[in-house]
């Protein structure tokens, strides 16, 4: 059985479709006979770029708010690294906010 992980990433709304396509093409969101499965929730991202940052949006030392989407999907452990690389390549931020964790109790026997 394949170990699954949940992957969550926050993406500016202007880049949601590009990131979803990239991670889906890399193997994220495979459930049975379906691919590119995900769930997207709208929200507001907040951050303050500090010295040394080269922000896609916002100015150094000024708080910034951005319309972002929270992308969630499952990823097989075997392709997790490739999916994260694809996410980073498609994401406009120099430091994308993302996280993953194993799906507890999966796979079921």
N, C-alpha and C. Protein backbone atom coordinates (compact mmCIF):
# COMPACT_ATOMS: atom_id res chain seq x y z
N UNK A 1 0.84 -1.19 0.00
CA UNK A 1 0.00 0.00 0.00
C UNK A 1 0.89 1.25 0.00
N UNK A 2 0.35 2.30 -0.53
CA UNK A 2 1.08 3.55 -0.68
C UNK A 2 0.75 4.50 0.46
N UNK A 3 1.79 5.06 1.07
CA UNK A 3 1.59 6.07 2.12
C UNK A 3 1.20 7.39 1.46
N UNK A 4 0.14 8.01 1.96
CA UNK A 4 -0.30 9.30 1.46
C UNK A 4 0.08 10.41 2.42
N UNK A 5 0.29 11.59 1.87
CA UNK A 5 0.52 12.80 2.65
C UNK A 5 -0.52 13.83 2.23
N UNK A 6 -0.85 14.72 3.15
CA UNK A 6 -1.64 15.89 2.83
C UNK A 6 -0.64 17.01 2.55
N UNK A 7 -0.83 17.72 1.46
CA UNK A 7 -0.01 18.87 1.12
C UNK A 7 -0.88 20.10 1.13
N UNK A 8 -0.42 21.15 1.80
CA UNK A 8 -1.12 22.43 1.85
C UNK A 8 -0.14 23.51 1.42
N UNK A 9 -0.61 24.41 0.57
CA UNK A 9 0.20 25.54 0.14
C UNK A 9 -0.69 26.77 0.00
N UNK A 10 -0.10 27.92 0.23
CA UNK A 10 -0.81 29.19 0.09
C UNK A 10 -0.26 29.90 -1.14
N UNK A 11 -1.16 30.30 -2.04
CA UNK A 11 -0.78 30.81 -3.36
C UNK A 11 -1.55 32.09 -3.66
N UNK A 12 -0.89 33.13 -4.18
CA UNK A 12 -1.68 34.29 -4.59
C UNK A 12 -2.69 33.86 -5.66
N UNK A 13 -3.89 34.38 -5.55
CA UNK A 13 -4.98 33.93 -6.39
C UNK A 13 -4.64 33.99 -7.89
N UNK A 14 -3.77 34.91 -8.28
CA UNK A 14 -3.40 35.04 -9.69
C UNK A 14 -2.62 33.83 -10.20
N UNK A 15 -2.08 33.01 -9.30
CA UNK A 15 -1.25 31.88 -9.70
C UNK A 15 -1.82 30.52 -9.29
N UNK A 16 -3.03 30.50 -8.76
CA UNK A 16 -3.61 29.25 -8.27
C UNK A 16 -3.68 28.19 -9.36
N UNK A 17 -4.21 28.54 -10.51
CA UNK A 17 -4.39 27.53 -11.57
C UNK A 17 -3.05 26.99 -12.07
N UNK A 18 -2.06 27.85 -12.18
CA UNK A 18 -0.74 27.41 -12.64
C UNK A 18 -0.11 26.44 -11.63
N UNK A 19 -0.23 26.75 -10.34
CA UNK A 19 0.33 25.87 -9.31
C UNK A 19 -0.44 24.55 -9.28
N UNK A 20 -1.76 24.60 -9.35
CA UNK A 20 -2.55 23.37 -9.37
C UNK A 20 -2.17 22.48 -10.55
N UNK A 21 -2.00 23.07 -11.72
CA UNK A 21 -1.61 22.28 -12.89
C UNK A 21 -0.23 21.67 -12.70
N UNK A 22 0.71 22.45 -12.18
CA UNK A 22 2.08 21.96 -12.00
C UNK A 22 2.15 20.80 -11.01
N UNK A 23 1.47 20.94 -9.86
CA UNK A 23 1.55 19.86 -8.88
C UNK A 23 0.75 18.64 -9.32
N UNK A 24 -0.36 18.86 -10.01
CA UNK A 24 -1.13 17.74 -10.54
C UNK A 24 -0.35 16.97 -11.59
N UNK A 25 0.34 17.69 -12.46
CA UNK A 25 1.16 17.05 -13.48
C UNK A 25 2.32 16.27 -12.85
N UNK A 26 2.78 16.72 -11.67
CA UNK A 26 3.87 16.04 -10.97
C UNK A 26 3.38 14.85 -10.13
N UNK A 27 2.06 14.66 -10.05
CA UNK A 27 1.53 13.49 -9.36
C UNK A 27 0.67 13.77 -8.15
N UNK A 28 0.46 15.02 -7.79
CA UNK A 28 -0.40 15.35 -6.64
C UNK A 28 -1.86 15.12 -7.00
N UNK A 29 -2.66 14.79 -6.00
CA UNK A 29 -4.10 14.70 -6.19
C UNK A 29 -4.59 13.47 -6.91
N UNK A 30 -3.83 12.38 -6.83
CA UNK A 30 -4.30 11.13 -7.46
C UNK A 30 -5.12 10.34 -6.45
N UNK A 31 -6.38 10.12 -6.80
CA UNK A 31 -7.29 9.36 -5.95
C UNK A 31 -8.02 8.38 -6.85
N UNK A 32 -7.70 7.11 -6.73
CA UNK A 32 -8.33 6.11 -7.58
C UNK A 32 -8.05 6.39 -9.04
N UNK A 33 -9.11 6.47 -9.85
CA UNK A 33 -8.98 6.74 -11.27
C UNK A 33 -9.06 8.23 -11.60
N UNK A 34 -8.80 9.08 -10.62
CA UNK A 34 -8.85 10.53 -10.81
C UNK A 34 -7.47 11.12 -10.58
N UNK A 35 -7.19 12.22 -11.27
CA UNK A 35 -5.94 12.95 -11.05
C UNK A 35 -6.26 14.42 -10.82
N UNK A 36 -5.29 15.17 -10.37
CA UNK A 36 -5.41 16.62 -10.16
C UNK A 36 -6.53 16.97 -9.18
N UNK A 37 -6.82 16.09 -8.21
CA UNK A 37 -7.85 16.36 -7.20
C UNK A 37 -7.28 17.34 -6.17
N UNK A 38 -8.09 18.33 -5.80
CA UNK A 38 -7.65 19.31 -4.81
C UNK A 38 -8.87 19.99 -4.20
N UNK A 39 -8.59 20.73 -3.14
CA UNK A 39 -9.61 21.58 -2.53
C UNK A 39 -8.97 22.95 -2.35
N UNK A 40 -9.68 24.01 -2.70
CA UNK A 40 -9.14 25.36 -2.65
C UNK A 40 -10.06 26.24 -1.80
N UNK A 41 -9.46 26.96 -0.87
CA UNK A 41 -10.20 27.87 0.00
C UNK A 41 -9.60 29.26 -0.12
N UNK A 42 -10.42 30.28 -0.28
CA UNK A 42 -9.96 31.66 -0.40
C UNK A 42 -9.68 32.26 0.97
N UNK A 43 -8.69 33.14 1.01
CA UNK A 43 -8.36 33.82 2.25
C UNK A 43 -7.43 34.99 1.99
N UNK A 44 -6.86 35.51 3.05
CA UNK A 44 -5.95 36.64 2.97
C UNK A 44 -4.62 36.26 3.58
N UNK A 45 -3.55 36.36 2.81
CA UNK A 45 -2.20 36.13 3.32
C UNK A 45 -1.62 37.44 3.82
N UNK A 46 -0.83 37.37 4.88
CA UNK A 46 -0.20 38.55 5.45
C UNK A 46 1.27 38.26 5.68
N UNK A 47 2.13 39.21 5.34
CA UNK A 47 3.56 39.05 5.56
C UNK A 47 4.24 40.41 5.51
N UNK A 48 5.44 40.47 6.06
CA UNK A 48 6.27 41.67 6.01
C UNK A 48 7.64 41.28 5.48
N UNK A 49 7.99 41.68 4.26
CA UNK A 49 9.32 41.37 3.74
C UNK A 49 10.40 42.10 4.54
N UNK A 50 11.46 41.40 4.89
CA UNK A 50 12.56 41.96 5.66
C UNK A 50 13.81 42.11 4.79
N UNK A 51 14.83 42.72 5.35
CA UNK A 51 16.09 42.95 4.62
C UNK A 51 16.58 41.65 4.00
N UNK A 52 16.98 41.71 2.75
CA UNK A 52 17.47 40.54 2.03
C UNK A 52 16.39 39.86 1.20
N UNK A 53 15.13 40.20 1.44
CA UNK A 53 14.03 39.61 0.68
C UNK A 53 13.88 40.31 -0.65
N UNK A 54 13.42 39.57 -1.64
CA UNK A 54 13.05 40.16 -2.93
C UNK A 54 11.60 39.76 -3.20
N UNK A 55 10.66 40.46 -2.57
CA UNK A 55 9.26 40.04 -2.62
C UNK A 55 8.63 40.18 -4.00
N UNK A 56 7.80 39.23 -4.34
CA UNK A 56 6.98 39.27 -5.55
C UNK A 56 5.97 40.40 -5.42
N UNK A 57 5.44 40.59 -4.22
CA UNK A 57 4.49 41.64 -3.90
C UNK A 57 4.94 42.33 -2.62
N UNK A 58 4.63 43.59 -2.48
CA UNK A 58 4.91 44.30 -1.25
C UNK A 58 6.27 44.96 -1.25
N UNK A 59 6.50 45.74 -0.20
CA UNK A 59 7.74 46.49 -0.03
C UNK A 59 8.43 46.08 1.26
N UNK A 60 9.75 46.21 1.28
CA UNK A 60 10.51 45.86 2.49
C UNK A 60 9.99 46.61 3.70
N UNK A 61 9.90 45.89 4.81
CA UNK A 61 9.52 46.42 6.12
C UNK A 61 8.12 47.02 6.17
N UNK A 62 7.27 46.66 5.20
CA UNK A 62 5.89 47.12 5.22
C UNK A 62 4.97 45.92 5.20
N UNK A 63 4.03 45.84 6.15
CA UNK A 63 3.08 44.74 6.14
C UNK A 63 2.29 44.71 4.83
N UNK A 64 2.07 43.50 4.32
CA UNK A 64 1.39 43.32 3.04
C UNK A 64 0.28 42.31 3.22
N UNK A 65 -0.86 42.57 2.60
CA UNK A 65 -1.97 41.63 2.56
C UNK A 65 -2.25 41.28 1.11
N UNK A 66 -2.47 39.99 0.86
CA UNK A 66 -2.67 39.49 -0.50
C UNK A 66 -3.84 38.52 -0.52
N UNK A 67 -4.69 38.63 -1.54
CA UNK A 67 -5.74 37.63 -1.75
C UNK A 67 -5.06 36.34 -2.17
N UNK A 68 -5.17 35.31 -1.34
CA UNK A 68 -4.51 34.03 -1.60
C UNK A 68 -5.51 32.89 -1.52
N UNK A 69 -5.12 31.77 -2.08
CA UNK A 69 -5.88 30.54 -1.96
C UNK A 69 -5.06 29.52 -1.19
N UNK A 70 -5.74 28.76 -0.35
CA UNK A 70 -5.13 27.62 0.33
C UNK A 70 -5.46 26.40 -0.52
N UNK A 71 -4.42 25.77 -1.03
CA UNK A 71 -4.57 24.57 -1.85
C UNK A 71 -4.30 23.37 -0.96
N UNK A 72 -5.19 22.37 -1.00
CA UNK A 72 -4.98 21.12 -0.27
C UNK A 72 -5.15 19.96 -1.22
N UNK A 73 -4.28 18.97 -1.08
CA UNK A 73 -4.40 17.76 -1.89
C UNK A 73 -3.66 16.62 -1.20
N UNK A 74 -3.91 15.42 -1.68
CA UNK A 74 -3.14 14.27 -1.20
C UNK A 74 -2.03 13.99 -2.20
N UNK A 75 -0.93 13.47 -1.67
CA UNK A 75 0.23 13.16 -2.49
C UNK A 75 0.82 11.84 -2.00
N UNK A 76 1.12 10.94 -2.92
CA UNK A 76 1.80 9.71 -2.55
C UNK A 76 3.22 10.05 -2.12
N UNK A 77 3.68 9.38 -1.07
CA UNK A 77 5.02 9.66 -0.52
C UNK A 77 6.10 9.56 -1.59
N UNK A 78 5.95 8.64 -2.52
CA UNK A 78 6.97 8.41 -3.55
C UNK A 78 7.16 9.61 -4.47
N UNK A 79 6.14 10.47 -4.61
CA UNK A 79 6.25 11.62 -5.51
C UNK A 79 6.23 12.96 -4.78
N UNK A 80 6.24 12.92 -3.44
CA UNK A 80 6.14 14.16 -2.66
C UNK A 80 7.26 15.14 -3.00
N UNK A 81 8.49 14.69 -3.08
CA UNK A 81 9.60 15.60 -3.39
C UNK A 81 9.41 16.24 -4.77
N UNK A 82 9.02 15.45 -5.76
CA UNK A 82 8.81 15.98 -7.11
C UNK A 82 7.66 17.00 -7.12
N UNK A 83 6.63 16.74 -6.35
CA UNK A 83 5.49 17.66 -6.29
C UNK A 83 5.92 18.98 -5.64
N UNK A 84 6.69 18.91 -4.57
CA UNK A 84 7.17 20.13 -3.91
C UNK A 84 8.06 20.93 -4.86
N UNK A 85 8.93 20.26 -5.60
CA UNK A 85 9.77 20.96 -6.58
C UNK A 85 8.91 21.64 -7.65
N UNK A 86 7.89 20.96 -8.12
CA UNK A 86 6.99 21.55 -9.12
C UNK A 86 6.24 22.74 -8.54
N UNK A 87 5.81 22.63 -7.29
CA UNK A 87 5.11 23.72 -6.63
C UNK A 87 6.02 24.94 -6.55
N UNK A 88 7.25 24.73 -6.09
CA UNK A 88 8.20 25.85 -5.96
C UNK A 88 8.49 26.49 -7.32
N UNK A 89 8.57 25.70 -8.37
CA UNK A 89 8.86 26.23 -9.71
C UNK A 89 7.70 27.07 -10.25
N UNK A 90 6.47 26.70 -9.92
CA UNK A 90 5.29 27.41 -10.44
C UNK A 90 4.85 28.57 -9.54
N UNK A 91 5.30 28.57 -8.30
CA UNK A 91 4.87 29.57 -7.32
C UNK A 91 5.69 30.85 -7.50
N UNK A 92 5.05 32.02 -7.44
CA UNK A 92 5.80 33.26 -7.67
C UNK A 92 6.63 33.74 -6.47
N UNK A 93 6.31 33.27 -5.26
CA UNK A 93 7.04 33.75 -4.08
C UNK A 93 8.40 33.08 -3.98
N UNK A 94 9.38 33.81 -3.46
CA UNK A 94 10.70 33.21 -3.26
C UNK A 94 10.67 32.20 -2.11
N UNK A 95 9.76 32.36 -1.18
CA UNK A 95 9.60 31.43 -0.06
C UNK A 95 8.13 31.07 0.09
N UNK A 96 7.63 30.12 -0.71
CA UNK A 96 6.22 29.75 -0.59
C UNK A 96 5.91 29.13 0.77
N UNK A 97 4.75 29.46 1.31
CA UNK A 97 4.29 28.83 2.55
C UNK A 97 3.64 27.51 2.19
N UNK A 98 4.26 26.42 2.64
CA UNK A 98 3.70 25.10 2.38
C UNK A 98 4.03 24.17 3.53
N UNK A 99 3.25 23.12 3.63
CA UNK A 99 3.47 22.11 4.67
C UNK A 99 2.88 20.80 4.20
N UNK A 100 3.39 19.70 4.75
CA UNK A 100 2.82 18.39 4.46
C UNK A 100 2.96 17.51 5.68
N UNK A 101 2.09 16.52 5.76
CA UNK A 101 2.14 15.56 6.85
C UNK A 101 1.50 14.26 6.38
N UNK A 102 1.93 13.14 6.96
CA UNK A 102 1.34 11.85 6.57
C UNK A 102 -0.13 11.79 6.97
N UNK A 103 -0.91 11.14 6.14
CA UNK A 103 -2.32 10.92 6.46
C UNK A 103 -2.35 9.78 7.47
N UNK A 104 -2.79 10.07 8.68
CA UNK A 104 -2.80 9.10 9.77
C UNK A 104 -3.75 7.95 9.46
N UNK A 105 -3.26 6.74 9.66
CA UNK A 105 -4.09 5.57 9.47
C UNK A 105 -4.27 5.16 8.03
N UNK A 106 -3.47 5.74 7.13
CA UNK A 106 -3.57 5.38 5.72
C UNK A 106 -2.27 4.73 5.31
N UNK A 107 -2.23 3.72 4.58
CA UNK A 107 -3.36 3.07 3.92
C UNK A 107 -4.11 2.14 4.85
N UNK A 108 -5.35 1.91 4.55
CA UNK A 108 -6.15 0.96 5.30
C UNK A 108 -6.01 -0.41 4.66
N UNK A 109 -6.03 -1.42 5.49
CA UNK A 109 -5.87 -2.78 4.95
C UNK A 109 -7.19 -3.51 4.93
